[in-house]
Amino acid sequence: MRIHKFRSFLYKMAKILGDIQAVKSGSSKKMAKRAGRRVVGRAAGKGIRKLFK
């Protein structure tokens, strides 16, 4: 396995574990914050992608 694939795998796992941790906390505020940040992050990523195409 190449380093970049391993690093990508670790980042994906960290993202999933963060989601699990937010859900396990039971705080709807934490879950909403996390979901909102994910939506904003995806929108920003799409905007940046369009900017550099």
C-alpha atoms as a PDB file:
ATOM      1  CA  MET A   1       0.000   0.000   0.000  1.00  0.00           C
ATOM      2  CA  ARG A   2       1.345   3.387  -0.965  1.00  0.00           C
ATOM      3  CA  ILE A   3       1.734   6.159   1.580  1.00  0.00           C
ATOM      4  CA  HIS A   4      -0.921   8.414  -0.002  1.00  0.00           C
ATOM      5  CA  LYS A   5      -3.507   5.633   0.018  1.00  0.00           C
ATOM      6  CA  PHE A   6      -2.738   4.822   3.641  1.00  0.00           C
ATOM      7  CA  ARG A   7      -2.981   8.505   4.604  1.00  0.00           C
ATOM      8  CA  SER A   8      -6.279   8.838   2.758  1.00  0.00           C
ATOM      9  CA  PHE A   9      -7.594   5.773   4.576  1.00  0.00           C
ATOM     10  CA  LEU A  10      -6.577   7.237   7.948  1.00  0.00           C
ATOM     11  CA  TYR A  11      -8.301  10.563   7.216  1.00  0.00           C
ATOM     12  CA  LYS A  12     -11.503   8.776   6.179  1.00  0.00           C
ATOM     13  CA  MET A  13     -11.439   6.677   9.338  1.00  0.00           C
ATOM     14  CA  ALA A  14     -10.875   9.780  11.477  1.00  0.00           C
ATOM     15  CA  LYS A  15     -13.869  11.450   9.842  1.00  0.00           C
ATOM     16  CA  ILE A  16     -16.071   8.434  10.518  1.00  0.00           C
ATOM     17  CA  LEU A  17     -14.848   8.149  14.105  1.00  0.00           C
ATOM     18  CA  GLY A  18     -15.591  11.852  14.635  1.00  0.00           C
ATOM     19  CA  ASP A  19     -19.154  11.265  13.424  1.00  0.00           C
ATOM     20  CA  ILE A  20     -19.529   8.314  15.777  1.00  0.00           C
ATOM     21  CA  GLN A  21     -18.156  10.333  18.668  1.00  0.00           C
ATOM     22  CA  ALA A  22     -20.622  13.174  18.005  1.00  0.00           C
ATOM     23  CA  VAL A  23     -23.541  10.732  17.907  1.00  0.00           C
ATOM     24  CA  LYS A  24     -22.384   8.899  21.041  1.00  0.00           C
ATOM     25  CA  SER A  25     -22.184  12.168  22.961  1.00  0.00           C
ATOM     26  CA  GLY A  26     -25.960  12.371  22.658  1.00  0.00           C
ATOM     27  CA  SER A  27     -25.815  16.126  22.202  1.00  0.00           C
ATOM     28  CA  SER A  28     -27.996  17.203  19.316  1.00  0.00           C
ATOM     29  CA  LYS A  29     -26.083  20.487  19.253  1.00  0.00           C
ATOM     30  CA  LYS A  30     -22.799  18.672  18.517  1.00  0.00           C
ATOM     31  CA  MET A  31     -24.399  16.534  15.827  1.00  0.00           C
ATOM     32  CA  ALA A  32     -25.986  19.583  14.159  1.00  0.00           C
ATOM     33  CA  LYS A  33     -22.693  21.482  14.229  1.00  0.00           C
ATOM     34  CA  ARG A  34     -20.881  18.571  12.641  1.00  0.00           C
ATOM     35  CA  ALA A  35     -23.502  18.136   9.918  1.00  0.00           C
ATOM     36  CA  GLY A  36     -23.522  21.860   9.191  1.00  0.00           C
ATOM     37  CA  ARG A  37     -19.760  22.007   8.917  1.00  0.00           C
ATOM     38  CA  ARG A  38     -19.769  19.046   6.554  1.00  0.00           C
ATOM     39  CA  VAL A  39     -22.330  20.731   4.284  1.00  0.00           C
ATOM     40  CA  VAL A  40     -20.351  23.984   4.270  1.00  0.00           C
ATOM     41  CA  GLY A  41     -17.117  22.088   3.603  1.00  0.00           C
ATOM     42  CA  ARG A  42     -18.580  20.260   0.621  1.00  0.00           C
ATOM     43  CA  ALA A  43     -19.976  23.484  -0.832  1.00  0.00           C
ATOM     44  CA  ALA A  44     -16.620  25.220  -0.391  1.00  0.00           C
ATOM     45  CA  GLY A  45     -14.835  22.292  -2.041  1.00  0.00           C
ATOM     46  CA  LYS A  46     -17.164  22.418  -5.048  1.00  0.00           C
ATOM     47  CA  GLY A  47     -16.693  26.168  -5.347  1.00  0.00           C
ATOM     48  CA  ILE A  48     -12.916  25.904  -5.233  1.00  0.00           C
ATOM     49  CA  ARG A  49     -12.989  23.078  -7.767  1.00  0.00           C
ATOM     50  CA  LYS A  50     -15.040  25.203 -10.184  1.00  0.00           C
ATOM     51  CA  LEU A  51     -12.676  28.119  -9.643  1.00  0.00           C
ATOM     52  CA  PHE A  52      -9.627  26.120 -10.722  1.00  0.00           C
ATOM     53  CA  LYS A  53     -11.211  24.250 -13.661  1.00  0.00           C
END
